[in-house]
């Protein structure tokens, strides 16, 4: 599964990190980092992360 994050929209609320910590994380500068490709077994968590994003910056593309 592929994930895209629109960094122009992302405001680093970190709701995705709570919903899918195996795919999303905050770095030392409190900026979002994520794995662009993750195993399909994480689909439910990543979808929850996309749904939880207050600015809808996350998209599942594959």
PDB file of N, CA and C in Angstrom:
ATOM      1  N   UNK A   1       0.846  -1.162   0.000  1.00  0.00           N
ATOM      2  CA  UNK A   1       0.000   0.000   0.000  1.00  0.00           C
ATOM      3  C   UNK A   1       0.899   1.235   0.000  1.00  0.00           C
ATOM      4  N   UNK A   2       0.481   2.246  -0.739  1.00  0.00           N
ATOM      5  CA  UNK A   2       1.248   3.486  -0.806  1.00  0.00           C
ATOM      6  C   UNK A   2       0.490   4.610  -0.098  1.00  0.00           C
ATOM      7  N   UNK A   3       1.263   5.481   0.538  1.00  0.00           N
ATOM      8  CA  UNK A   3       0.710   6.609   1.284  1.00  0.00           C
ATOM      9  C   UNK A   3       1.312   7.890   0.736  1.00  0.00           C
ATOM     10  N   UNK A   4       0.477   8.907   0.613  1.00  0.00           N
ATOM     11  CA  UNK A   4       0.955  10.246   0.254  1.00  0.00           C
ATOM     12  C   UNK A   4       0.493  11.222   1.323  1.00  0.00           C
ATOM     13  N   UNK A   5       1.354  12.169   1.652  1.00  0.00           N
ATOM     14  CA  UNK A   5       0.998  13.244   2.567  1.00  0.00           C
ATOM     15  C   UNK A   5       1.257  14.562   1.852  1.00  0.00           C
ATOM     16  N   UNK A   6       0.262  15.402   1.827  1.00  0.00           N
ATOM     17  CA  UNK A   6       0.403  16.734   1.243  1.00  0.00           C
ATOM     18  C   UNK A   6       0.982  17.653   2.316  1.00  0.00           C
ATOM     19  N   UNK A   7       2.287  17.880   2.226  1.00  0.00           N
ATOM     20  CA  UNK A   7       2.955  18.702   3.243  1.00  0.00           C
ATOM     21  C   UNK A   7       2.529  20.170   3.183  1.00  0.00           C
ATOM     22  N   UNK A   8       1.910  20.585   2.084  1.00  0.00           N
ATOM     23  CA  UNK A   8       1.372  21.943   2.020  1.00  0.00           C
ATOM     24  C   UNK A   8       0.149  22.086   2.926  1.00  0.00           C
ATOM     25  N   UNK A   9      -0.549  20.975   3.145  1.00  0.00           N
ATOM     26  CA  UNK A   9      -1.715  20.972   4.026  1.00  0.00           C
ATOM     27  C   UNK A   9      -1.365  20.580   5.461  1.00  0.00           C
ATOM     28  N   UNK A  10      -0.416  19.665   5.618  1.00  0.00           N
ATOM     29  CA  UNK A  10      -0.082  19.106   6.928  1.00  0.00           C
ATOM     30  C   UNK A  10       0.329  20.202   7.914  1.00  0.00           C
ATOM     31  N   UNK A  11      -0.283  20.154   9.095  1.00  0.00           N
ATOM     32  CA  UNK A  11       0.028  21.121  10.152  1.00  0.00           C
ATOM     33  C   UNK A  11       0.659  20.437  11.373  1.00  0.00           C
ATOM     34  N   UNK A  12       1.116  19.194  11.207  1.00  0.00           N
ATOM     35  CA  UNK A  12       1.809  18.435  12.247  1.00  0.00           C
ATOM     36  C   UNK A  12       0.997  18.284  13.527  1.00  0.00           C
ATOM     37  N   UNK A  13      -0.295  17.993  13.373  1.00  0.00           N
ATOM     38  CA  UNK A  13      -1.142  17.742  14.538  1.00  0.00           C
ATOM     39  C   UNK A  13      -0.832  16.383  15.169  1.00  0.00           C
ATOM     40  N   UNK A  14      -0.247  15.491  14.407  1.00  0.00           N
ATOM     41  CA  UNK A  14       0.197  14.166  14.853  1.00  0.00           C
ATOM     42  C   UNK A  14      -0.934  13.189  15.160  1.00  0.00           C
ATOM     43  N   UNK A  15      -2.130  13.466  14.717  1.00  0.00           N
ATOM     44  CA  UNK A  15      -3.221  12.519  14.927  1.00  0.00           C
ATOM     45  C   UNK A  15      -2.947  11.204  14.201  1.00  0.00           C
ATOM     46  N   UNK A  16      -2.265  11.271  13.068  1.00  0.00           N
ATOM     47  CA  UNK A  16      -1.911  10.070  12.313  1.00  0.00           C
ATOM     48  C   UNK A  16      -0.936   9.191  13.086  1.00  0.00           C
ATOM     49  N   UNK A  17      -0.059   9.823  13.839  1.00  0.00           N
ATOM     50  CA  UNK A  17       0.931   9.082  14.625  1.00  0.00           C
ATOM     51  C   UNK A  17       0.227   8.228  15.683  1.00  0.00           C
ATOM     52  N   UNK A  18      -0.797   8.784  16.292  1.00  0.00           N
ATOM     53  CA  UNK A  18      -1.557   8.037  17.295  1.00  0.00           C
ATOM     54  C   UNK A  18      -2.357   6.904  16.654  1.00  0.00           C
ATOM     55  N   UNK A  19      -2.892   7.142  15.457  1.00  0.00           N
ATOM     56  CA  UNK A  19      -3.731   6.150  14.792  1.00  0.00           C
ATOM     57  C   UNK A  19      -2.922   5.037  14.122  1.00  0.00           C
ATOM     58  N   UNK A  20      -1.749   5.373  13.599  1.00  0.00           N
ATOM     59  CA  UNK A  20      -0.940   4.396  12.859  1.00  0.00           C
ATOM     60  C   UNK A  20       0.551   4.605  13.127  1.00  0.00           C
ATOM     61  N   UNK A  21       0.990   4.296  14.338  1.00  0.00           N
ATOM     62  CA  UNK A  21       2.395   4.544  14.699  1.00  0.00           C
ATOM     63  C   UNK A  21       3.408   3.706  13.919  1.00  0.00           C
ATOM     64  N   UNK A  22       2.949   2.641  13.263  1.00  0.00           N
ATOM     65  CA  UNK A  22       3.866   1.839  12.462  1.00  0.00           C
ATOM     66  C   UNK A  22       4.137   2.470  11.094  1.00  0.00           C
ATOM     67  N   UNK A  23       3.378   3.501  10.741  1.00  0.00           N
ATOM     68  CA  UNK A  23       3.556   4.150   9.448  1.00  0.00           C
ATOM     69  C   UNK A  23       3.959   5.617   9.575  1.00  0.00           C
ATOM     70  N   UNK A  24       3.527   6.275  10.666  1.00  0.00           N
ATOM     71  CA  UNK A  24       3.757   7.707  10.844  1.00  0.00           C
ATOM     72  C   UNK A  24       4.516   7.962  12.145  1.00  0.00           C
ATOM     73  N   UNK A  25       5.353   8.998  12.148  1.00  0.00           N
ATOM     74  CA  UNK A  25       6.108   9.365  13.352  1.00  0.00           C
ATOM     75  C   UNK A  25       6.501  10.838  13.256  1.00  0.00           C
ATOM     76  N   UNK A  26       6.802  11.418  14.377  1.00  0.00           N
ATOM     77  CA  UNK A  26       7.299  12.793  14.422  1.00  0.00           C
ATOM     78  C   UNK A  26       8.812  12.732  14.625  1.00  0.00           C
ATOM     79  N   UNK A  27       9.544  13.562  13.906  1.00  0.00           N
ATOM     80  CA  UNK A  27      10.996  13.571  14.055  1.00  0.00           C
ATOM     81  C   UNK A  27      11.408  14.505  15.201  1.00  0.00           C
ATOM     82  N   UNK A  28      12.695  14.669  15.399  1.00  0.00           N
ATOM     83  CA  UNK A  28      13.212  15.476  16.509  1.00  0.00           C
ATOM     84  C   UNK A  28      12.807  16.946  16.397  1.00  0.00           C
ATOM     85  N   UNK A  29      12.463  17.388  15.189  1.00  0.00           N
ATOM     86  CA  UNK A  29      12.020  18.769  14.973  1.00  0.00           C
ATOM     87  C   UNK A  29      10.499  18.898  15.027  1.00  0.00           C
ATOM     88  N   UNK A  30       9.832  17.836  15.498  1.00  0.00           N
ATOM     89  CA  UNK A  30       8.364  17.794  15.563  1.00  0.00           C
ATOM     90  C   UNK A  30       7.702  17.976  14.206  1.00  0.00           C
ATOM     91  N   UNK A  31       8.319  17.389  13.184  1.00  0.00           N
ATOM     92  CA  UNK A  31       7.750  17.379  11.841  1.00  0.00           C
ATOM     93  C   UNK A  31       7.398  15.943  11.481  1.00  0.00           C
ATOM     94  N   UNK A  32       6.326  15.785  10.720  1.00  0.00           N
ATOM     95  CA  UNK A  32       5.849  14.462  10.352  1.00  0.00           C
ATOM     96  C   UNK A  32       6.809  13.763   9.399  1.00  0.00           C
ATOM     97  N   UNK A  33       7.034  12.490   9.676  1.00  0.00           N
ATOM     98  CA  UNK A  33       7.725  11.589   8.764  1.00  0.00           C
ATOM     99  C   UNK A  33       6.822  10.376   8.608  1.00  0.00           C
ATOM    100  N   UNK A  34       6.907   9.717   7.464  1.00  0.00           N
ATOM    101  CA  UNK A  34       6.069   8.540   7.238  1.00  0.00           C
ATOM    102  C   UNK A  34       6.733   7.611   6.250  1.00  0.00           C
ATOM    103  N   UNK A  35       6.280   6.368   6.238  1.00  0.00           N
ATOM    104  CA  UNK A  35       6.752   5.390   5.273  1.00  0.00           C
ATOM    105  C   UNK A  35       5.842   5.472   4.055  1.00  0.00           C
ATOM    106  N   UNK A  36       6.399   5.749   2.904  1.00  0.00           N
ATOM    107  CA  UNK A  36       5.606   5.915   1.690  1.00  0.00           C
ATOM    108  C   UNK A  36       4.962   4.607   1.232  1.00  0.00           C
ATOM    109  N   UNK A  37       5.561   3.494   1.594  1.00  0.00           N
ATOM    110  CA  UNK A  37       4.990   2.184   1.287  1.00  0.00           C
ATOM    111  C   UNK A  37       4.984   1.352   2.556  1.00  0.00           C
ATOM    112  N   UNK A  38       3.825   0.781   2.857  1.00  0.00           N
ATOM    113  CA  UNK A  38       3.680  -0.077   4.031  1.00  0.00           C
ATOM    114  C   UNK A  38       2.914  -1.326   3.639  1.00  0.00           C
ATOM    115  N   UNK A  39       3.003  -2.326   4.470  1.00  0.00           N
ATOM    116  CA  UNK A  39       2.313  -3.582   4.243  1.00  0.00           C
ATOM    117  C   UNK A  39       0.801  -3.380   4.299  1.00  0.00           C
ATOM    118  N   UNK A  40       0.083  -4.127   3.494  1.00  0.00           N
ATOM    119  CA  UNK A  40      -1.382  -4.032   3.469  1.00  0.00           C
ATOM    120  C   UNK A  40      -2.026  -4.358   4.815  1.00  0.00           C
ATOM    121  N   UNK A  41      -1.306  -5.056   5.675  1.00  0.00           N
ATOM    122  CA  UNK A  41      -1.854  -5.377   6.990  1.00  0.00           C
ATOM    123  C   UNK A  41      -2.088  -4.119   7.829  1.00  0.00           C
ATOM    124  N   UNK A  42      -1.484  -3.001   7.432  1.00  0.00           N
ATOM    125  CA  UNK A  42      -1.653  -1.733   8.146  1.00  0.00           C
ATOM    126  C   UNK A  42      -2.757  -0.857   7.555  1.00  0.00           C
ATOM    127  N   UNK A  43      -3.454  -1.362   6.551  1.00  0.00           N
ATOM    128  CA  UNK A  43      -4.454  -0.557   5.839  1.00  0.00           C
ATOM    129  C   UNK A  43      -5.503   0.050   6.770  1.00  0.00           C
ATOM    130  N   UNK A  44      -6.029  -0.730   7.689  1.00  0.00           N
ATOM    131  CA  UNK A  44      -7.065  -0.221   8.589  1.00  0.00           C
ATOM    132  C   UNK A  44      -6.528   0.922   9.450  1.00  0.00           C
ATOM    133  N   UNK A  45      -5.311   0.758   9.983  1.00  0.00           N
ATOM    134  CA  UNK A  45      -4.707   1.814  10.803  1.00  0.00           C
ATOM    135  C   UNK A  45      -4.420   3.067   9.980  1.00  0.00           C
ATOM    136  N   UNK A  46      -3.898   2.876   8.773  1.00  0.00           N
ATOM    137  CA  UNK A  46      -3.579   4.029   7.920  1.00  0.00           C
ATOM    138  C   UNK A  46      -4.861   4.742   7.499  1.00  0.00           C
ATOM    139  N   UNK A  47      -5.919   3.984   7.233  1.00  0.00           N
ATOM    140  CA  UNK A  47      -7.197   4.622   6.899  1.00  0.00           C
ATOM    141  C   UNK A  47      -7.713   5.418   8.090  1.00  0.00           C
ATOM    142  N   UNK A  48      -7.547   4.877   9.289  1.00  0.00           N
ATOM    143  CA  UNK A  48      -7.938   5.609  10.503  1.00  0.00           C
ATOM    144  C   UNK A  48      -7.118   6.887  10.642  1.00  0.00           C
ATOM    145  N   UNK A  49      -5.836   6.810  10.311  1.00  0.00           N
ATOM    146  CA  UNK A  49      -4.974   7.990  10.364  1.00  0.00           C
ATOM    147  C   UNK A  49      -5.445   9.047   9.371  1.00  0.00           C
ATOM    148  N   UNK A  50      -5.777   8.615   8.153  1.00  0.00           N
ATOM    149  CA  UNK A  50      -6.264   9.555   7.143  1.00  0.00           C
ATOM    150  C   UNK A  50      -7.573  10.190   7.596  1.00  0.00           C
ATOM    151  N   UNK A  51      -8.448   9.397   8.190  1.00  0.00           N
ATOM    152  CA  UNK A  51      -9.729   9.909   8.670  1.00  0.00           C
ATOM    153  C   UNK A  51      -9.553  10.875   9.831  1.00  0.00           C
ATOM    154  N   UNK A  52      -8.528  10.636  10.651  1.00  0.00           N
ATOM    155  CA  UNK A  52      -8.295  11.467  11.840  1.00  0.00           C
ATOM    156  C   UNK A  52      -7.595  12.785  11.521  1.00  0.00           C
ATOM    157  N   UNK A  53      -6.986  12.877  10.364  1.00  0.00           N
ATOM    158  CA  UNK A  53      -6.244  14.096  10.006  1.00  0.00           C
ATOM    159  C   UNK A  53      -7.198  15.284   9.902  1.00  0.00           C
ATOM    160  N   UNK A  54      -7.001  16.309  10.734  1.00  0.00           N
ATOM    161  CA  UNK A  54      -7.926  17.439  10.734  1.00  0.00           C
ATOM    162  C   UNK A  54      -7.896  18.276   9.456  1.00  0.00           C
ATOM    163  N   UNK A  55      -6.838  18.146   8.662  1.00  0.00           N
ATOM    164  CA  UNK A  55      -6.755  18.915   7.413  1.00  0.00           C
ATOM    165  C   UNK A  55      -6.792  18.010   6.183  1.00  0.00           C
ATOM    166  N   UNK A  56      -7.052  16.700   6.393  1.00  0.00           N
ATOM    167  CA  UNK A  56      -7.179  15.728   5.308  1.00  0.00           C
ATOM    168  C   UNK A  56      -5.964  15.752   4.374  1.00  0.00           C
ATOM    169  N   UNK A  57      -4.768  15.686   4.980  1.00  0.00           N
ATOM    170  CA  UNK A  57      -3.533  15.750   4.209  1.00  0.00           C
ATOM    171  C   UNK A  57      -3.021  14.373   3.774  1.00  0.00           C
ATOM    172  N   UNK A  58      -3.654  13.302   4.251  1.00  0.00           N
ATOM    173  CA  UNK A  58      -3.170  11.941   3.988  1.00  0.00           C
ATOM    174  C   UNK A  58      -4.048  11.269   2.950  1.00  0.00           C
ATOM    175  N   UNK A  59      -3.388  10.590   1.998  1.00  0.00           N
ATOM    176  CA  UNK A  59      -4.110   9.875   0.971  1.00  0.00           C
ATOM    177  C   UNK A  59      -3.485   8.504   0.768  1.00  0.00           C
ATOM    178  N   UNK A  60      -4.304   7.489   0.685  1.00  0.00           N
ATOM    179  CA  UNK A  60      -3.857   6.136   0.359  1.00  0.00           C
ATOM    180  C   UNK A  60      -3.989   5.994  -1.151  1.00  0.00           C
ATOM    181  N   UNK A  61      -2.880   5.639  -1.797  1.00  0.00           N
ATOM    182  CA  UNK A  61      -2.888   5.602  -3.257  1.00  0.00           C
ATOM    183  C   UNK A  61      -2.744   4.207  -3.834  1.00  0.00           C
ATOM    184  N   UNK A  62      -2.544   3.228  -3.016  1.00  0.00           N
ATOM    185  CA  UNK A  62      -2.382   1.880  -3.576  1.00  0.00           C
ATOM    186  C   UNK A  62      -2.626   0.826  -2.573  1.00  0.00           C
TER     187      UNK A  62
END
